[in-house]
C-alpha atoms as a PDB file:
ATOM      1  CA  MET A   1       0.000   0.000   0.000  1.00  0.00           C
ATOM      2  CA  PRO A   2       2.724   2.627   0.869  1.00  0.00           C
ATOM      3  CA  PRO A   3       4.465   2.203  -2.521  1.00  0.00           C
ATOM      4  CA  LYS A   4       1.145   2.822  -4.301  1.00  0.00           C
ATOM      5  CA  SER A   5       0.554   5.998  -2.254  1.00  0.00           C
ATOM      6  CA  SER A   6       4.065   7.241  -3.107  1.00  0.00           C
ATOM      7  CA  SER A   7       3.488   6.607  -6.818  1.00  0.00           C
ATOM      8  CA  LEU A   8       0.224   8.570  -6.752  1.00  0.00           C
ATOM      9  CA  LYS A   9       1.952  11.429  -4.955  1.00  0.00           C
ATOM     10  CA  THR A  10       4.664  11.510  -7.627  1.00  0.00           C
ATOM     11  CA  ILE A  11       2.058  11.690 -10.405  1.00  0.00           C
ATOM     12  CA  LEU A  12       0.245  14.543  -8.672  1.00  0.00           C
ATOM     13  CA  ILE A  13       3.488  16.490  -8.213  1.00  0.00           C
ATOM     14  CA  PHE A  14       4.304  15.971 -11.912  1.00  0.00           C
ATOM     15  CA  ILE A  15       0.879  17.260 -12.985  1.00  0.00           C
ATOM     16  CA  VAL A  16       1.247  20.323 -10.757  1.00  0.00           C
ATOM     17  CA  LEU A  17       4.730  21.056 -12.143  1.00  0.00           C
ATOM     18  CA  VAL A  18       3.539  20.735 -15.769  1.00  0.00           C
ATOM     19  CA  THR A  19       0.618  23.079 -15.025  1.00  0.00           C
ATOM     20  CA  VAL A  20       2.847  25.636 -13.320  1.00  0.00           C
ATOM     21  CA  VAL A  21       5.496  25.555 -16.074  1.00  0.00           C
ATOM     22  CA  GLY A  22       2.827  25.802 -18.791  1.00  0.00           C
ATOM     23  CA  SER A  23       1.186  28.754 -17.088  1.00  0.00           C
ATOM     24  CA  LEU A  24       4.572  30.480 -16.681  1.00  0.00           C
ATOM     25  CA  ILE A  25       5.424  30.013 -20.362  1.00  0.00           C
ATOM     26  CA  TYR A  26       2.025  31.378 -21.413  1.00  0.00           C
ATOM     27  CA  TRP A  27       2.444  34.376 -19.067  1.00  0.00           C
ATOM     28  CA  LEU A  28       5.878  35.153 -20.474  1.00  0.00           C
ATOM     29  CA  TRP A  29       4.598  34.804 -24.041  1.00  0.00           C
ATOM     30  CA  GLN A  30       1.778  37.254 -23.313  1.00  0.00           C
ATOM     31  CA  ARG A  31       4.325  39.785 -22.056  1.00  0.00           C
ATOM     32  CA  GLN A  32       6.378  39.632 -25.249  1.00  0.00           C
ATOM     33  CA  PRO A  33       6.073  42.794 -27.437  1.00  0.00           C
ATOM     34  CA  LYS A  34       3.606  42.110 -30.234  1.00  0.00           C
ATOM     35  CA  SER A  35       4.663  42.768 -33.813  1.00  0.00           C
ATOM     36  CA  LEU A  36       2.687  45.636 -35.359  1.00  0.00           C
ATOM     37  CA  VAL A  37       2.482  43.754 -38.616  1.00  0.00           C
ATOM     38  CA  SER A  38       0.662  40.557 -39.460  1.00  0.00           C
ATOM     39  CA  ASN A  39       2.022  38.663 -42.447  1.00  0.00           C
ATOM     40  CA  ASN A  40      -1.493  38.633 -43.856  1.00  0.00           C
ATOM     41  CA  ASP A  41      -2.086  42.407 -43.607  1.00  0.00           C
ATOM     42  CA  MET A  42      -1.719  43.999 -47.022  1.00  0.00           C
ATOM     43  CA  LEU A  43      -2.733  47.336 -48.458  1.00  0.00           C
ATOM     44  CA  SER A  44      -6.179  47.418 -50.043  1.00  0.00           C
ATOM     45  CA  PRO A  45      -6.452  49.401 -53.296  1.00  0.00           C
ATOM     46  CA  GLN A  46      -8.463  52.518 -52.427  1.00  0.00           C
ATOM     47  CA  SER A  47      -9.582  53.410 -55.926  1.00  0.00           C
ATOM     48  CA  GLN A  48     -13.087  52.363 -56.874  1.00  0.00           C
ATOM     49  CA  ASN A  49     -11.742  52.130 -60.417  1.00  0.00           C
ATOM     50  CA  GLN A  50     -11.600  48.320 -60.328  1.00  0.00           C
ATOM     51  CA  SER A  51     -13.804  47.467 -63.288  1.00  0.00           C
ATOM     52  CA  ALA A  52     -14.963  48.843 -66.584  1.00  0.00           C
ATOM     53  CA  THR A  53     -18.407  49.441 -65.075  1.00  0.00           C
ATOM     54  CA  SER A  54     -17.232  51.603 -62.187  1.00  0.00           C
ATOM     55  CA  SER A  55     -14.812  53.392 -64.492  1.00  0.00           C
ATOM     56  CA  ALA A  56     -17.566  54.265 -66.964  1.00  0.00           C
ATOM     57  CA  THR A  57     -19.812  55.741 -64.265  1.00  0.00           C
ATOM     58  CA  GLN A  58     -17.058  57.994 -62.942  1.00  0.00           C
ATOM     59  CA  ALA A  59     -15.368  58.921 -66.216  1.00  0.00           C
ATOM     60  CA  GLN A  60     -17.866  61.749 -66.791  1.00  0.00           C
ATOM     61  CA  LYS A  61     -16.158  63.670 -63.972  1.00  0.00           C
ATOM     62  CA  ILE A  62     -12.825  63.580 -65.812  1.00  0.00           C
ATOM     63  CA  THR A  63     -12.389  64.985 -69.308  1.00  0.00           C
ATOM     64  CA  ILE A  64      -9.259  63.616 -70.986  1.00  0.00           C
ATOM     65  CA  ASP A  65      -8.151  62.173 -74.315  1.00  0.00           C
ATOM     66  CA  THR A  66      -7.474  58.439 -74.375  1.00  0.00           C
ATOM     67  CA  ASN A  67      -6.918  55.626 -76.913  1.00  0.00           C
ATOM     68  CA  LYS A  68      -4.297  57.777 -78.611  1.00  0.00           C
ATOM     69  CA  VAL A  69      -1.503  56.453 -80.846  1.00  0.00           C
ATOM     70  CA  LEU A  70       1.707  58.403 -80.254  1.00  0.00           C
ATOM     71  CA  SER A  71       4.955  58.657 -82.159  1.00  0.00           C
ATOM     72  CA  GLN A  72       7.077  59.677 -79.144  1.00  0.00           C
ATOM     73  CA  ASN A  73       7.517  58.404 -75.597  1.00  0.00           C
ATOM     74  CA  LYS A  74       7.359  61.856 -74.021  1.00  0.00           C
ATOM     75  CA  PHE A  75       3.761  62.871 -73.572  1.00  0.00           C
ATOM     76  CA  GLN A  76       2.002  65.756 -71.845  1.00  0.00           C
ATOM     77  CA  LEU A  77      -1.094  64.376 -70.150  1.00  0.00           C
ATOM     78  CA  GLN A  78      -3.749  67.092 -69.907  1.00  0.00           C
ATOM     79  CA  GLY A  79      -7.264  66.914 -68.566  1.00  0.00           C
ATOM     80  CA  GLN A  80     -10.118  68.551 -66.714  1.00  0.00           C
ATOM     81  CA  THR A  81     -11.658  67.470 -63.412  1.00  0.00           C
ATOM     82  CA  GLN A  82     -12.973  68.999 -60.196  1.00  0.00           C
ATOM     83  CA  PRO A  83     -11.185  72.242 -59.186  1.00  0.00           C
ATOM     84  CA  ASN A  84      -8.336  72.025 -56.665  1.00  0.00           C
ATOM     85  CA  SER A  85      -8.252  68.227 -56.680  1.00  0.00           C
ATOM     86  CA  ILE A  86      -5.366  65.840 -56.113  1.00  0.00           C
ATOM     87  CA  VAL A  87      -4.744  63.840 -59.295  1.00  0.00           C
ATOM     88  CA  ILE A  88      -3.104  60.408 -58.933  1.00  0.00           C
ATOM     89  CA  ILE A  89      -1.625  58.852 -62.084  1.00  0.00           C
ATOM     90  CA  TYR A  90      -0.459  55.259 -61.816  1.00  0.00           C
ATOM     91  CA  SER A  91       0.836  52.732 -64.344  1.00  0.00           C
ATOM     92  CA  ASN A  92       3.641  50.249 -64.923  1.00  0.00           C
ATOM     93  CA  SER A  93       5.540  52.882 -66.927  1.00  0.00           C
ATOM     94  CA  GLN A  94       5.370  55.951 -64.678  1.00  0.00           C
ATOM     95  CA  ASN A  95       3.598  57.215 -61.555  1.00  0.00           C
ATOM     96  CA  ALA A  96       2.828  60.769 -60.540  1.00  0.00           C
ATOM     97  CA  VAL A  97       0.742  62.921 -58.199  1.00  0.00           C
ATOM     98  CA  THR A  98      -0.302  66.394 -59.298  1.00  0.00           C
ATOM     99  CA  LYS A  99      -3.113  68.880 -58.657  1.00  0.00           C
ATOM    100  CA  SER A 100      -5.822  70.547 -60.698  1.00  0.00           C
ATOM    101  CA  ASP A 101      -6.033  74.332 -60.643  1.00  0.00           C
ATOM    102  CA  ALA A 102      -8.970  76.545 -59.678  1.00  0.00           C
ATOM    103  CA  SER A 103     -10.627  75.835 -63.029  1.00  0.00           C
ATOM    104  CA  GLY A 104     -10.084  72.067 -62.747  1.00  0.00           C
ATOM    105  CA  LYS A 105      -7.344  71.821 -65.381  1.00  0.00           C
ATOM    106  CA  PHE A 106      -4.310  69.608 -64.765  1.00  0.00           C
ATOM    107  CA  SER A 107      -1.195  68.667 -66.697  1.00  0.00           C
ATOM    108  CA  GLN A 108       1.560  66.114 -66.118  1.00  0.00           C
ATOM    109  CA  SER A 109       4.581  65.196 -68.223  1.00  0.00           C
ATOM    110  CA  LEU A 110       4.935  61.417 -68.701  1.00  0.00           C
ATOM    111  CA  ASN A 111       7.577  59.221 -70.292  1.00  0.00           C
ATOM    112  CA  LEU A 112       5.642  56.271 -71.700  1.00  0.00           C
ATOM    113  CA  ASP A 113       6.954  52.845 -72.672  1.00  0.00           C
ATOM    114  CA  ASP A 114       7.109  51.655 -76.255  1.00  0.00           C
ATOM    115  CA  GLY A 115       3.964  49.812 -77.249  1.00  0.00           C
ATOM    116  CA  LEU A 116       0.875  49.586 -75.036  1.00  0.00           C
ATOM    117  CA  ASN A 117       0.490  51.749 -71.926  1.00  0.00           C
ATOM    118  CA  LEU A 118      -2.376  51.160 -69.468  1.00  0.00           C
ATOM    119  CA  ILE A 119      -2.809  54.031 -67.008  1.00  0.00           C
ATOM    120  CA  GLY A 120      -5.129  54.519 -64.045  1.00  0.00           C
ATOM    121  CA  LEU A 121      -6.197  57.996 -62.961  1.00  0.00           C
ATOM    122  CA  SER A 122      -7.991  59.007 -59.757  1.00  0.00           C
ATOM    123  CA  THR A 123      -8.892  62.417 -58.377  1.00  0.00           C
ATOM    124  CA  LEU A 124      -9.305  63.158 -54.663  1.00  0.00           C
ATOM    125  CA  GLY A 125     -11.157  65.961 -52.928  1.00  0.00           C
ATOM    126  CA  GLN A 126      -9.914  68.012 -49.993  1.00  0.00           C
ATOM    127  CA  ASP A 127     -11.104  65.239 -47.660  1.00  0.00           C
ATOM    128  CA  LEU A 128      -8.799  62.802 -49.530  1.00  0.00           C
ATOM    129  CA  LYS A 129     -11.767  60.748 -50.734  1.00  0.00           C
ATOM    130  CA  GLU A 130     -11.919  59.647 -54.345  1.00  0.00           C
ATOM    131  CA  ILE A 131     -14.354  61.728 -56.382  1.00  0.00           C
ATOM    132  CA  ALA A 132     -13.583  60.420 -59.862  1.00  0.00           C
ATOM    133  CA  ALA A 133     -11.602  57.703 -61.589  1.00  0.00           C
ATOM    134  CA  THR A 134     -10.948  56.419 -65.074  1.00  0.00           C
ATOM    135  CA  ASN A 135      -8.556  54.277 -67.117  1.00  0.00           C
ATOM    136  CA  LEU A 136      -6.458  55.486 -70.041  1.00  0.00           C
ATOM    137  CA  THR A 137      -4.936  53.595 -72.957  1.00  0.00           C
ATOM    138  CA  TYR A 138      -2.078  54.867 -75.116  1.00  0.00           C
ATOM    139  CA  TYR A 139       0.147  53.218 -77.694  1.00  0.00           C
ATOM    140  CA  VAL A 140       3.653  54.434 -78.553  1.00  0.00           C
ATOM    141  CA  GLY A 141       5.186  53.366 -81.836  1.00  0.00           C
ATOM    142  CA  GLY A 142       2.836  54.417 -84.607  1.00  0.00           C
ATOM    143  CA  ALA A 143       2.475  57.451 -86.827  1.00  0.00           C
ATOM    144  CA  LYS A 144       0.655  60.254 -85.052  1.00  0.00           C
ATOM    145  CA  ILE A 145      -2.473  60.635 -87.182  1.00  0.00           C
ATOM    146  CA  ASP A 146      -5.577  62.366 -85.888  1.00  0.00           C
ATOM    147  CA  ASP A 147      -7.986  59.559 -86.731  1.00  0.00           C
ATOM    148  CA  THR A 148      -5.672  56.674 -85.710  1.00  0.00           C
ATOM    149  CA  ILE A 149      -6.540  55.207 -82.331  1.00  0.00           C
ATOM    150  CA  VAL A 150      -5.855  52.100 -80.243  1.00  0.00           C
ATOM    151  CA  TYR A 151      -8.224  49.688 -78.523  1.00  0.00           C
ATOM    152  CA  ALA A 152      -6.897  46.938 -76.284  1.00  0.00           C
ATOM    153  CA  GLY A 153      -8.640  44.251 -74.281  1.00  0.00           C
ATOM    154  CA  LEU A 154      -9.935  40.716 -74.136  1.00  0.00           C
ATOM    155  CA  VAL A 155     -11.841  39.339 -77.122  1.00  0.00           C
ATOM    156  CA  LYS A 156     -15.438  38.876 -75.963  1.00  0.00           C
ATOM    157  CA  SER A 157     -17.095  37.775 -79.202  1.00  0.00           C
ATOM    158  CA  ILE A 158     -16.371  37.331 -82.918  1.00  0.00           C
ATOM    159  CA  PHE A 159     -18.891  37.631 -85.749  1.00  0.00           C
ATOM    160  CA  LYS A 160     -17.376  37.493 -89.249  1.00  0.00           C
ATOM    161  CA  ASP A 161     -15.038  40.500 -89.426  1.00  0.00           C
ATOM    162  CA  THR A 162     -16.451  42.207 -86.302  1.00  0.00           C
ATOM    163  CA  ILE A 163     -14.738  41.624 -82.970  1.00  0.00           C
ATOM    164  CA  THR A 164     -16.051  42.863 -79.631  1.00  0.00           C
ATOM    165  CA  LEU A 165     -13.447  43.668 -76.981  1.00  0.00           C
ATOM    166  CA  THR A 166     -13.792  44.156 -73.246  1.00  0.00           C
ATOM    167  CA  THR A 167     -11.458  47.093 -72.607  1.00  0.00           C
ATOM    168  CA  GLN A 168     -10.579  48.977 -69.428  1.00  0.00           C
ATOM    169  CA  THR A 169     -13.484  51.355 -69.959  1.00  0.00           C
ATOM    170  CA  GLY A 170     -16.172  49.103 -71.403  1.00  0.00           C
ATOM    171  CA  GLU A 171     -16.903  47.332 -74.668  1.00  0.00           C
ATOM    172  CA  ALA A 172     -15.399  48.384 -78.007  1.00  0.00           C
ATOM    173  CA  THR A 173     -16.023  47.136 -81.536  1.00  0.00           C
ATOM    174  CA  VAL A 174     -13.174  46.345 -83.917  1.00  0.00           C
ATOM    175  CA  LYS A 175     -13.881  45.867 -87.609  1.00  0.00           C
ATOM    176  CA  GLN A 176     -11.045  43.926 -89.215  1.00  0.00           C
ATOM    177  CA  LEU A 177      -9.928  45.025 -92.679  1.00  0.00           C
ATOM    178  CA  GLN A 178      -9.290  42.239 -95.194  1.00  0.00           C
ATOM    179  CA  ASN A 179      -5.682  43.313 -95.645  1.00  0.00           C
ATOM    180  CA  ALA A 180      -5.075  44.017 -91.956  1.00  0.00           C
ATOM    181  CA  LYS A 181      -1.659  43.097 -90.588  1.00  0.00           C
ATOM    182  CA  ILE A 182      -2.212  40.414 -87.920  1.00  0.00           C
ATOM    183  CA  SER A 183       0.367  39.128 -85.462  1.00  0.00           C
ATOM    184  CA  ILE A 184      -0.623  35.904 -83.665  1.00  0.00           C
ATOM    185  CA  PRO A 185       1.664  33.800 -81.423  1.00  0.00           C
ATOM    186  CA  LYS A 186       2.949  30.484 -82.731  1.00  0.00           C
ATOM    187  CA  LEU A 187       1.393  27.368 -81.283  1.00  0.00           C
ATOM    188  CA  PRO A 188       3.634  25.847 -78.588  1.00  0.00           C
ATOM    189  CA  GLY A 189       5.377  22.618 -79.585  1.00  0.00           C
ATOM    190  CA  VAL A 190       4.336  22.799 -83.248  1.00  0.00           C
ATOM    191  CA  SER A 191       7.427  23.683 -85.240  1.00  0.00           C
ATOM    192  CA  ALA A 192       5.976  22.863 -88.660  1.00  0.00           C
ATOM    193  CA  GLN A 193       3.064  25.310 -88.315  1.00  0.00           C
ATOM    194  CA  THR A 194       4.114  28.914 -88.747  1.00  0.00           C
ATOM    195  CA  GLN A 195       1.281  30.329 -86.662  1.00  0.00           C
ATOM    196  CA  ASP A 196      -2.276  29.840 -85.537  1.00  0.00           C
ATOM    197  CA  GLN A 197      -4.334  32.053 -87.817  1.00  0.00           C
ATOM    198  CA  ASP A 198      -7.494  32.062 -85.707  1.00  0.00           C
ATOM    199  CA  ILE A 199      -8.336  34.836 -83.286  1.00  0.00           C
ATOM    200  CA  ARG A 200     -10.082  33.288 -80.287  1.00  0.00           C
ATOM    201  CA  VAL A 201     -12.456  34.449 -77.587  1.00  0.00           C
ATOM    202  CA  GLY A 202     -10.291  35.177 -74.540  1.00  0.00           C
ATOM    203  CA  ASP A 203      -7.308  36.402 -76.565  1.00  0.00           C
ATOM    204  CA  TYR A 204      -5.855  39.778 -75.645  1.00  0.00           C
ATOM    205  CA  MET A 205      -6.010  42.056 -78.678  1.00  0.00           C
ATOM    206  CA  ILE A 206      -4.190  45.306 -79.392  1.00  0.00           C
ATOM    207  CA  SER A 207      -5.767  46.924 -82.438  1.00  0.00           C
ATOM    208  CA  LEU A 208      -4.647  50.060 -84.253  1.00  0.00           C
ATOM    209  CA  GLY A 209      -6.656  51.769 -86.938  1.00  0.00           C
ATOM    210  CA  LYS A 210      -9.107  54.424 -88.019  1.00  0.00           C
ATOM    211  CA  ASN A 211     -11.661  55.812 -85.614  1.00  0.00           C
ATOM    212  CA  LEU A 212     -15.106  55.145 -87.129  1.00  0.00           C
ATOM    213  CA  SER A 213     -17.193  56.423 -84.213  1.00  0.00           C
ATOM    214  CA  GLU A 214     -17.266  56.375 -80.431  1.00  0.00           C
ATOM    215  CA  GLY A 215     -16.259  52.863 -79.355  1.00  0.00           C
ATOM    216  CA  GLN A 216     -15.685  51.619 -82.914  1.00  0.00           C
ATOM    217  CA  LEU A 217     -12.434  51.147 -84.819  1.00  0.00           C
ATOM    218  CA  GLN A 218     -11.505  49.907 -88.299  1.00  0.00           C
ATOM    219  CA  ALA A 219      -8.306  47.948 -87.645  1.00  0.00           C
ATOM    220  CA  ASP A 220      -5.416  47.691 -90.066  1.00  0.00           C
ATOM    221  CA  ASN A 221      -2.954  46.397 -87.466  1.00  0.00           C
ATOM    222  CA  ILE A 222      -3.806  43.685 -84.906  1.00  0.00           C
ATOM    223  CA  SER A 223      -1.580  42.010 -82.321  1.00  0.00           C
ATOM    224  CA  ILE A 224      -2.775  38.989 -80.333  1.00  0.00           C
ATOM    225  CA  LEU A 225      -1.289  38.095 -76.935  1.00  0.00           C
ATOM    226  CA  ARG A 226      -1.983  34.824 -75.131  1.00  0.00           C
ATOM    227  CA  ASP A 227       0.726  34.773 -72.460  1.00  0.00           C
ATOM    228  CA  ASP A 228       1.483  37.613 -70.043  1.00  0.00           C
ATOM    229  CA  LYS A 229      -1.621  39.549 -70.995  1.00  0.00           C
ATOM    230  CA  PRO A 230      -1.132  43.277 -70.308  1.00  0.00           C
ATOM    231  CA  GLN A 231      -2.520  44.755 -67.131  1.00  0.00           C
ATOM    232  CA  ASN A 232      -1.881  47.691 -64.859  1.00  0.00           C
ATOM    233  CA  PRO A 233      -0.329  46.210 -61.676  1.00  0.00           C
ATOM    234  CA  GLU A 234      -0.256  49.519 -59.806  1.00  0.00           C
ATOM    235  CA  HIS A 235      -2.608  50.629 -57.020  1.00  0.00           C
ATOM    236  CA  TRP A 236      -2.702  53.509 -54.563  1.00  0.00           C
ATOM    237  CA  ALA A 237      -3.631  53.970 -50.921  1.00  0.00           C
ATOM    238  CA  ILE A 238      -3.540  56.708 -48.296  1.00  0.00           C
ATOM    239  CA  VAL A 239      -1.704  55.785 -45.104  1.00  0.00           C
ATOM    240  CA  LYS A 240      -0.522  57.207 -41.804  1.00  0.00           C
ATOM    241  CA  VAL A 241       3.112  56.383 -41.097  1.00  0.00           C
ATOM    242  CA  LEU A 242       3.577  54.550 -37.774  1.00  0.00           C
ATOM    243  CA  THR A 243       7.349  54.019 -37.866  1.00  0.00           C
ATOM    244  CA  THR A 244      10.252  55.803 -39.490  1.00  0.00           C
ATOM    245  CA  LEU A 245      11.468  54.141 -42.680  1.00  0.00           C
ATOM    246  CA  THR A 246      14.412  51.894 -41.822  1.00  0.00           C
ATOM    247  CA  LYS A 247      15.956  48.945 -43.637  1.00  0.00           C
ATOM    248  CA  ASN A 248      13.787  49.538 -46.704  1.00  0.00           C
ATOM    249  CA  SER A 249      10.421  49.262 -44.959  1.00  0.00           C
ATOM    250  CA  PHE A 250       8.038  51.050 -42.628  1.00  0.00           C
ATOM    251  CA  GLN A 251       4.783  50.307 -40.860  1.00  0.00           C
ATOM    252  CA  ALA A 252       1.622  52.237 -41.573  1.00  0.00           C
ATOM    253  CA  GLU A 253      -2.098  52.335 -40.935  1.00  0.00           C
ATOM    254  CA  GLN A 254      -4.305  52.585 -43.992  1.00  0.00           C
ATOM    255  CA  ASN A 255      -6.788  55.444 -44.100  1.00  0.00           C
ATOM    256  CA  GLY A 256     -10.250  54.306 -43.015  1.00  0.00           C
ATOM    257  CA  GLN A 257      -9.013  50.946 -41.728  1.00  0.00           C
ATOM    258  CA  SER A 258      -7.623  49.735 -38.415  1.00  0.00           C
ATOM    259  CA  ASN A 259      -5.177  47.204 -39.815  1.00  0.00           C
ATOM    260  CA  THR A 260      -1.447  47.813 -39.736  1.00  0.00           C
ATOM    261  CA  VAL A 261       0.560  47.099 -42.864  1.00  0.00           C
ATOM    262  CA  LYS A 262       4.197  46.798 -43.810  1.00  0.00           C
ATOM    263  CA  ILE A 263       5.284  48.777 -46.874  1.00  0.00           C
ATOM    264  CA  ALA A 264       8.585  47.951 -48.568  1.00  0.00           C
ATOM    265  CA  THR A 265      10.789  50.298 -50.581  1.00  0.00           C
ATOM    266  CA  ASP A 266      13.777  49.855 -52.871  1.00  0.00           C
ATOM    267  CA  ILE A 267      16.212  51.930 -54.925  1.00  0.00           C
ATOM    268  CA  ASN A 268      13.488  52.655 -57.474  1.00  0.00           C
ATOM    269  CA  THR A 269      11.068  54.185 -54.956  1.00  0.00           C
ATOM    270  CA  SER A 270      10.493  57.908 -55.508  1.00  0.00           C
ATOM    271  CA  TYR A 271       9.578  60.400 -52.779  1.00  0.00           C
ATOM    272  CA  LEU A 272       7.677  63.700 -52.824  1.00  0.00           C
ATOM    273  CA  ASP A 273       7.236  66.089 -49.901  1.00  0.00           C
ATOM    274  CA  LYS A 274       5.045  69.155 -50.372  1.00  0.00           C
ATOM    275  CA  ASP A 275       5.190  68.700 -54.157  1.00  0.00           C
ATOM    276  CA  GLN A 276       9.003  68.666 -54.135  1.00  0.00           C
ATOM    277  CA  LYS A 277      11.385  65.764 -54.704  1.00  0.00           C
ATOM    278  CA  ALA A 278      12.553  64.263 -51.417  1.00  0.00           C
ATOM    279  CA  ASP A 279      14.302  61.174 -50.073  1.00  0.00           C
ATOM    280  CA  SER A 280      13.495  58.359 -47.651  1.00  0.00           C
ATOM    281  CA  LYS A 281      14.253  60.595 -44.634  1.00  0.00           C
ATOM    282  CA  ALA A 282      10.910  62.327 -45.218  1.00  0.00           C
ATOM    283  CA  VAL A 283       9.042  59.156 -44.199  1.00  0.00           C
ATOM    284  CA  VAL A 284       8.722  59.656 -40.435  1.00  0.00           C
ATOM    285  CA  LYS A 285       6.158  58.743 -37.788  1.00  0.00           C
ATOM    286  CA  ASP A 286       2.751  60.454 -37.904  1.00  0.00           C
ATOM    287  CA  ARG A 287       3.122  61.744 -41.481  1.00  0.00           C
ATOM    288  CA  SER A 288       0.325  60.902 -43.904  1.00  0.00           C
ATOM    289  CA  ALA A 289       1.097  59.890 -47.468  1.00  0.00           C
ATOM    290  CA  ILE A 290      -0.301  58.762 -50.792  1.00  0.00           C
ATOM    291  CA  VAL A 291       1.458  55.503 -51.682  1.00  0.00           C
ATOM    292  CA  ILE A 292       1.446  54.144 -55.227  1.00  0.00           C
ATOM    293  CA  TYR A 293       2.512  50.521 -55.026  1.00  0.00           C
ATOM    294  CA  HIS A 294       2.459  47.045 -56.529  1.00  0.00           C
ATOM    295  CA  ALA A 295       2.907  43.524 -55.205  1.00  0.00           C
ATOM    296  CA  ASP A 296       6.461  42.264 -55.682  1.00  0.00           C
ATOM    297  CA  ASP A 297       7.513  38.676 -56.469  1.00  0.00           C
ATOM    298  CA  LYS A 298       7.233  37.762 -52.775  1.00  0.00           C
ATOM    299  CA  GLY A 299       3.769  39.253 -52.400  1.00  0.00           C
ATOM    300  CA  ASN A 300       4.967  42.297 -50.448  1.00  0.00           C
ATOM    301  CA  ASP A 301       3.529  45.786 -50.965  1.00  0.00           C
ATOM    302  CA  LEU A 302       6.393  47.579 -52.726  1.00  0.00           C
ATOM    303  CA  ALA A 303       6.088  51.367 -52.942  1.00  0.00           C
ATOM    304  CA  ASP A 304       6.909  52.987 -56.281  1.00  0.00           C
ATOM    305  CA  LEU A 305       6.012  56.526 -55.211  1.00  0.00           C
ATOM    306  CA  ILE A 306       5.450  57.965 -51.730  1.00  0.00           C
ATOM    307  CA  ASP A 307       3.907  61.441 -51.685  1.00  0.00           C
ATOM    308  CA  LEU A 308       4.042  62.902 -48.157  1.00  0.00           C
ATOM    309  CA  LEU A 309       0.993  65.049 -47.464  1.00  0.00           C
ATOM    310  CA  PRO A 310       1.198  68.417 -45.636  1.00  0.00           C
END
């Protein structure tokens, strides 16, 4: 009997020790400083310009030429919107933040890439809320002719020589000329066949040609893309800086949200402070900023332009 009592006592002591040690570990863990950033917290694009539908409803608040074919990369973007607005321009070629004047006019010099350029444009009021947004399409590499335009988007339907595209700003009709120049990718793994001559629903089409009417083009030059279909990877958000920028990153709280995010920077990140060029030292705690960013290869929010607000 005594040995059994001793064994039971040992078990009870062991259970008490495990409980005490477990409680101590949990208490110490609770006292550890919590990271401000969760790996799952990412910036949320603040523009409502996420689809052709929303873009079309807001485009009436912005007057600007689009679908232009340009002969040079340097381009002066000019438009009209609400007076004294902040104008955010974001694309994979160049990003900028400017302002409209008292009459609503704005202008920004851009250096576009060769070929297709997809650009997003948002305007903000004094309360930093978006009041208008639209998408712009330009093509660099053709002769600058008044009635030559570009439409680009996914092929939605095909009927004889008429192709309907879903573009950034809605549907567009492309009428294919009989002698149109057509570039279509070769079929993978088929060396004997020069190319697949059929345009398919779901293809990405870049069409250049004569402007017939609003939303209608007579194409004499068509390019079909099936891999790496063009898109604008850039977004913007307004944040409050929570930590000074160190080691190519800082923590921030997104405007209108309670989540904390980590924003990365690199040597290509540009900085503006009160409409003047600045450097990373301007990113300090409690400053607010417009951040134009994209997701990098690791899924991090990588800032391309940080505009520190007054």
